[in-house]
Every structure is written in C-alpha cells, then in structure tokens.
Amino acid sequence: MKTEEFIVQLHEELELEVPLNEDTNLKDLEEWDSMAAMIVIGFVSNNFNVILNANDIQNITTISSLIDRVGRDKFN
C-alpha cells in the first residue's frame, strides 16, 4: 500500500471531514476518541498484520508516527 492510499483509507475509516496528511496530529482531531483509536488499531491490524497496543496509541501523535510504528518498509 502506498502512503497516500493509507492516508485516504484511514480518512474514510475515521469518517473525517478535515483532510489528513503525514503531519496531522490525530489527537488534535475533533473526532479523536477511544472509538477512533479502536478503528485505527483494527485498520492497521487488517491491512498490515501489526498489532497496536495502548502504549502505541498513547505514543502515536501524527500520521507520520503511525506510519513509522507500522513500519515504513511496509509501504511502497
């Protein structure tokens, strides 16, 4: 999956009204809550077989840091 594709799909999964980019701070989004965190965990698990835990969610701030946690090598 390409990074741009990941961002578009994540945007759709979270049903956001504002655009996302790698610099977007997830925790600054009005829609960010525990349900959004669960959606991100499921989305990453389904697409990359990477399991995010509570510490990961706490430490992830931007889309870029989420991509780093998943592993940039998994993106083409």
C-alpha atoms as a PDB file:
ATOM      1  CA  MET A   1       0.000   0.000   0.000  1.00  0.00           C
ATOM      2  CA  LYS A   2       1.260   3.468  -0.821  1.00  0.00           C
ATOM      3  CA  THR A   3       1.393   6.098   1.917  1.00  0.00           C
ATOM      4  CA  GLU A   4      -1.128   8.286   0.095  1.00  0.00           C
ATOM      5  CA  GLU A   5      -3.515   5.332  -0.209  1.00  0.00           C
ATOM      6  CA  PHE A   6      -3.113   4.600   3.509  1.00  0.00           C
ATOM      7  CA  ILE A   7      -3.994   8.189   4.391  1.00  0.00           C
ATOM      8  CA  VAL A   8      -7.065   8.193   2.120  1.00  0.00           C
ATOM      9  CA  GLN A   9      -8.323   4.880   3.513  1.00  0.00           C
ATOM     10  CA  LEU A  10      -7.663   5.965   7.100  1.00  0.00           C
ATOM     11  CA  HIS A  11      -9.573   9.187   6.409  1.00  0.00           C
ATOM     12  CA  GLU A  12     -12.529   7.116   5.174  1.00  0.00           C
ATOM     13  CA  GLU A  13     -12.355   4.696   8.117  1.00  0.00           C
ATOM     14  CA  LEU A  14     -12.421   7.551  10.616  1.00  0.00           C
ATOM     15  CA  GLU A  15     -15.163   9.352   8.657  1.00  0.00           C
ATOM     16  CA  LEU A  16     -13.347  12.660   8.936  1.00  0.00           C
ATOM     17  CA  GLU A  17     -14.416  15.949   7.440  1.00  0.00           C
ATOM     18  CA  VAL A  18     -10.955  17.515   7.546  1.00  0.00           C
ATOM     19  CA  PRO A  19      -8.150  16.390   5.229  1.00  0.00           C
ATOM     20  CA  LEU A  20      -5.290  14.269   6.566  1.00  0.00           C
ATOM     21  CA  ASN A  21      -1.600  14.384   5.756  1.00  0.00           C
ATOM     22  CA  GLU A  22       1.510  12.956   7.392  1.00  0.00           C
ATOM     23  CA  ASP A  23       1.796  15.970   9.701  1.00  0.00           C
ATOM     24  CA  THR A  24      -1.775  15.712  11.009  1.00  0.00           C
ATOM     25  CA  ASN A  25      -1.846  15.221  14.768  1.00  0.00           C
ATOM     26  CA  LEU A  26      -4.512  12.570  15.346  1.00  0.00           C
ATOM     27  CA  LYS A  27      -5.136  13.703  18.902  1.00  0.00           C
ATOM     28  CA  ASP A  28      -5.957  17.218  17.699  1.00  0.00           C
ATOM     29  CA  LEU A  29      -8.828  15.915  15.574  1.00  0.00           C
ATOM     30  CA  GLU A  30     -12.266  16.715  16.930  1.00  0.00           C
ATOM     31  CA  GLU A  31     -13.299  13.139  16.129  1.00  0.00           C
ATOM     32  CA  TRP A  32     -10.406  11.557  18.074  1.00  0.00           C
ATOM     33  CA  ASP A  33     -11.703   9.426  20.912  1.00  0.00           C
ATOM     34  CA  SER A  34     -11.432   5.844  22.145  1.00  0.00           C
ATOM     35  CA  MET A  35     -13.602   4.607  19.271  1.00  0.00           C
ATOM     36  CA  ALA A  36     -11.324   6.297  16.726  1.00  0.00           C
ATOM     37  CA  ALA A  37      -8.329   4.669  18.422  1.00  0.00           C
ATOM     38  CA  MET A  38     -10.022   1.255  18.111  1.00  0.00           C
ATOM     39  CA  ILE A  39     -10.713   1.935  14.430  1.00  0.00           C
ATOM     40  CA  VAL A  40      -7.020   2.745  13.881  1.00  0.00           C
ATOM     41  CA  ILE A  41      -5.984  -0.438  15.726  1.00  0.00           C
ATOM     42  CA  GLY A  42      -8.327  -2.547  13.573  1.00  0.00           C
ATOM     43  CA  PHE A  43      -7.361  -0.799  10.350  1.00  0.00           C
ATOM     44  CA  VAL A  44      -3.647  -1.324  10.951  1.00  0.00           C
ATOM     45  CA  SER A  45      -4.173  -4.930  12.041  1.00  0.00           C
ATOM     46  CA  ASN A  46      -6.293  -5.797   8.992  1.00  0.00           C
ATOM     47  CA  ASN A  47      -4.001  -4.134   6.471  1.00  0.00           C
ATOM     48  CA  PHE A  48      -0.533  -4.763   7.907  1.00  0.00           C
ATOM     49  CA  ASN A  49      -0.847  -7.583  10.473  1.00  0.00           C
ATOM     50  CA  VAL A  50       0.625  -5.198  13.053  1.00  0.00           C
ATOM     51  CA  ILE A  51      -0.995  -5.163  16.475  1.00  0.00           C
ATOM     52  CA  LEU A  52      -1.037  -1.759  18.149  1.00  0.00           C
ATOM     53  CA  ASN A  53      -1.433  -1.667  21.919  1.00  0.00           C
ATOM     54  CA  ALA A  54      -2.471   1.064  24.343  1.00  0.00           C
ATOM     55  CA  ASN A  55       1.112   2.302  24.677  1.00  0.00           C
ATOM     56  CA  ASP A  56       1.403   2.596  20.900  1.00  0.00           C
ATOM     57  CA  ILE A  57      -1.797   4.638  20.718  1.00  0.00           C
ATOM     58  CA  GLN A  58      -0.580   6.842  23.543  1.00  0.00           C
ATOM     59  CA  ASN A  59       2.783   7.429  21.830  1.00  0.00           C
ATOM     60  CA  ILE A  60       1.470   7.933  18.301  1.00  0.00           C
ATOM     61  CA  THR A  61       0.734  11.559  17.590  1.00  0.00           C
ATOM     62  CA  THR A  62       0.914  12.219  13.857  1.00  0.00           C
ATOM     63  CA  ILE A  63       0.067  10.122  10.828  1.00  0.00           C
ATOM     64  CA  SER A  64       3.816  10.017  10.209  1.00  0.00           C
ATOM     65  CA  SER A  65       4.445   8.493  13.650  1.00  0.00           C
ATOM     66  CA  LEU A  66       1.700   5.936  12.955  1.00  0.00           C
ATOM     67  CA  ILE A  67       3.403   5.022   9.669  1.00  0.00           C
ATOM     68  CA  ASP A  68       6.739   4.744  11.494  1.00  0.00           C
ATOM     69  CA  ARG A  69       5.161   2.397  14.064  1.00  0.00           C
ATOM     70  CA  VAL A  70       3.633   0.218  11.334  1.00  0.00           C
ATOM     71  CA  GLY A  71       6.991   0.229   9.541  1.00  0.00           C
ATOM     72  CA  ARG A  72       7.830   2.405   6.568  1.00  0.00           C
ATOM     73  CA  ASP A  73       9.169  -0.689   4.822  1.00  0.00           C
ATOM     74  CA  LYS A  74       5.557  -1.954   4.548  1.00  0.00           C
ATOM     75  CA  PHE A  75       4.665   0.972   2.287  1.00  0.00           C
ATOM     76  CA  ASN A  76       5.662   1.135  -1.363  1.00  0.00           C
END
